[in-house]
C-alpha atoms as a PDB file:
ATOM      1  CA  UNK A   1      -8.593  -1.223   9.224  1.00  0.00           C
ATOM      2  CA  UNK A   2      -5.998   0.302  11.530  1.00  0.00           C
ATOM      3  CA  UNK A   3      -8.286  -0.097  14.487  1.00  0.00           C
ATOM      4  CA  UNK A   4      -9.138  -3.741  13.602  1.00  0.00           C
ATOM      5  CA  UNK A   5      -5.437  -4.552  13.295  1.00  0.00           C
ATOM      6  CA  UNK A   6      -4.329  -2.499  16.319  1.00  0.00           C
ATOM      7  CA  UNK A   7      -2.209  -0.169  14.233  1.00  0.00           C
ATOM      8  CA  UNK A   8      -1.478   3.294  15.643  1.00  0.00           C
ATOM      9  CA  UNK A   9      -0.078   6.345  13.898  1.00  0.00           C
ATOM     10  CA  UNK A  10       3.708   6.018  13.674  1.00  0.00           C
ATOM     11  CA  UNK A  11       3.783   2.216  14.014  1.00  0.00           C
ATOM     12  CA  UNK A  12       6.041   0.423  11.548  1.00  0.00           C
ATOM     13  CA  UNK A  13       3.964  -1.926   9.425  1.00  0.00           C
ATOM     14  CA  UNK A  14       4.910  -4.502   6.830  1.00  0.00           C
ATOM     15  CA  UNK A  15       2.997  -4.218   3.573  1.00  0.00           C
ATOM     16  CA  UNK A  16       3.430  -7.204   1.217  1.00  0.00           C
ATOM     17  CA  UNK A  17       2.255  -8.394  -2.169  1.00  0.00           C
ATOM     18  CA  UNK A  18       3.205 -11.299  -4.442  1.00  0.00           C
ATOM     19  CA  UNK A  19       6.038  -9.095  -5.763  1.00  0.00           C
ATOM     20  CA  UNK A  20       7.724  -8.242  -2.450  1.00  0.00           C
ATOM     21  CA  UNK A  21       7.305  -6.215   0.719  1.00  0.00           C
ATOM     22  CA  UNK A  22       8.099  -2.854   2.267  1.00  0.00           C
ATOM     23  CA  UNK A  23       8.149  -1.569   5.834  1.00  0.00           C
ATOM     24  CA  UNK A  24       6.645   1.860   6.416  1.00  0.00           C
ATOM     25  CA  UNK A  25       5.393   4.107   9.203  1.00  0.00           C
ATOM     26  CA  UNK A  26       1.621   4.125   9.409  1.00  0.00           C
ATOM     27  CA  UNK A  27      -0.309   7.339   8.990  1.00  0.00           C
ATOM     28  CA  UNK A  28      -3.740   6.725  10.426  1.00  0.00           C
ATOM     29  CA  UNK A  29      -6.613   9.045   9.476  1.00  0.00           C
ATOM     30  CA  UNK A  30     -10.278   8.968   8.489  1.00  0.00           C
ATOM     31  CA  UNK A  31      -9.834   9.995   4.819  1.00  0.00           C
ATOM     32  CA  UNK A  32      -9.644   6.432   3.429  1.00  0.00           C
ATOM     33  CA  UNK A  33     -12.597   4.463   4.675  1.00  0.00           C
ATOM     34  CA  UNK A  34     -13.595   0.839   4.497  1.00  0.00           C
ATOM     35  CA  UNK A  35     -15.757   0.140   1.431  1.00  0.00           C
ATOM     36  CA  UNK A  36     -18.791  -2.181   1.247  1.00  0.00           C
ATOM     37  CA  UNK A  37     -18.629  -4.195  -1.970  1.00  0.00           C
ATOM     38  CA  UNK A  38     -21.266  -6.849  -2.567  1.00  0.00           C
ATOM     39  CA  UNK A  39     -21.899  -7.028   1.196  1.00  0.00           C
ATOM     40  CA  UNK A  40     -18.188  -7.491   2.038  1.00  0.00           C
ATOM     41  CA  UNK A  41     -15.904  -4.977   3.761  1.00  0.00           C
ATOM     42  CA  UNK A  42     -12.913  -4.015   1.593  1.00  0.00           C
ATOM     43  CA  UNK A  43     -10.095  -1.877   3.033  1.00  0.00           C
ATOM     44  CA  UNK A  44      -8.024   0.507   0.921  1.00  0.00           C
ATOM     45  CA  UNK A  45      -4.576   1.871   1.815  1.00  0.00           C
ATOM     46  CA  UNK A  46      -2.553   4.593   0.216  1.00  0.00           C
ATOM     47  CA  UNK A  47       1.199   4.603  -0.332  1.00  0.00           C
ATOM     48  CA  UNK A  48       2.894   7.687  -1.723  1.00  0.00           C
ATOM     49  CA  UNK A  49       5.236   7.146  -4.636  1.00  0.00           C
ATOM     50  CA  UNK A  50       8.106   9.592  -4.242  1.00  0.00           C
ATOM     51  CA  UNK A  51      11.678   9.551  -3.014  1.00  0.00           C
ATOM     52  CA  UNK A  52      11.390  11.937   0.002  1.00  0.00           C
ATOM     53  CA  UNK A  53      14.451  13.712   1.339  1.00  0.00           C
ATOM     54  CA  UNK A  54      17.887  12.164   1.219  1.00  0.00           C
ATOM     55  CA  UNK A  55      18.656  10.295   4.420  1.00  0.00           C
ATOM     56  CA  UNK A  56      15.032  10.114   5.646  1.00  0.00           C
ATOM     57  CA  UNK A  57      14.003   6.886   3.866  1.00  0.00           C
ATOM     58  CA  UNK A  58      15.366   3.370   4.025  1.00  0.00           C
ATOM     59  CA  UNK A  59      16.999   2.160   0.826  1.00  0.00           C
ATOM     60  CA  UNK A  60      14.931  -0.485  -0.933  1.00  0.00           C
ATOM     61  CA  UNK A  61      11.618   0.375   0.721  1.00  0.00           C
ATOM     62  CA  UNK A  62       9.759   1.986  -2.190  1.00  0.00           C
ATOM     63  CA  UNK A  63       6.182   1.455  -3.282  1.00  0.00           C
ATOM     64  CA  UNK A  64       7.261   0.005  -6.669  1.00  0.00           C
ATOM     65  CA  UNK A  65       8.532  -3.051  -4.789  1.00  0.00           C
ATOM     66  CA  UNK A  66       4.880  -4.047  -4.341  1.00  0.00           C
ATOM     67  CA  UNK A  67       3.626  -3.469  -7.898  1.00  0.00           C
ATOM     68  CA  UNK A  68       2.834  -6.449 -10.123  1.00  0.00           C
ATOM     69  CA  UNK A  69       4.675  -7.008 -13.361  1.00  0.00           C
ATOM     70  CA  UNK A  70       1.518  -7.235 -15.462  1.00  0.00           C
ATOM     71  CA  UNK A  71      -0.499  -4.805 -17.477  1.00  0.00           C
ATOM     72  CA  UNK A  72      -3.675  -4.305 -19.387  1.00  0.00           C
ATOM     73  CA  UNK A  73      -3.739  -6.736 -22.361  1.00  0.00           C
ATOM     74  CA  UNK A  74      -5.075  -4.063 -24.753  1.00  0.00           C
ATOM     75  CA  UNK A  75      -3.048  -0.993 -23.804  1.00  0.00           C
ATOM     76  CA  UNK A  76       0.022  -2.624 -22.188  1.00  0.00           C
ATOM     77  CA  UNK A  77      -0.354  -0.111 -19.323  1.00  0.00           C
ATOM     78  CA  UNK A  78       1.205  -1.483 -16.121  1.00  0.00           C
ATOM     79  CA  UNK A  79      -1.036  -1.976 -13.080  1.00  0.00           C
ATOM     80  CA  UNK A  80       0.740   0.484 -10.770  1.00  0.00           C
ATOM     81  CA  UNK A  81      -2.236   2.217  -9.162  1.00  0.00           C
ATOM     82  CA  UNK A  82      -4.452  -0.517  -7.717  1.00  0.00           C
ATOM     83  CA  UNK A  83      -3.479  -4.023  -6.629  1.00  0.00           C
ATOM     84  CA  UNK A  84      -3.838  -6.384  -3.650  1.00  0.00           C
ATOM     85  CA  UNK A  85      -1.558  -6.242  -0.600  1.00  0.00           C
ATOM     86  CA  UNK A  86      -1.425  -7.597   2.944  1.00  0.00           C
ATOM     87  CA  UNK A  87      -0.781  -5.325   5.962  1.00  0.00           C
END
């Protein structure tokens, strides 16, 4: 996906969902690959959920900004691990 979008390691990218957006530095590697699902290419990204060191992160730019406010109807578990975003 990074190659298709012209994203290089260290570039600042905007990641958005219906809930909000964050800006983050891209880490480009070959560990997360494009998936083929029903003949379509689906890209996956990973965003760590932690606070990092004081002074090294921008206030307000945390992964939870992107998470939807819905959960599984049976268990009431929030959908924090997999959801749609734009890069």
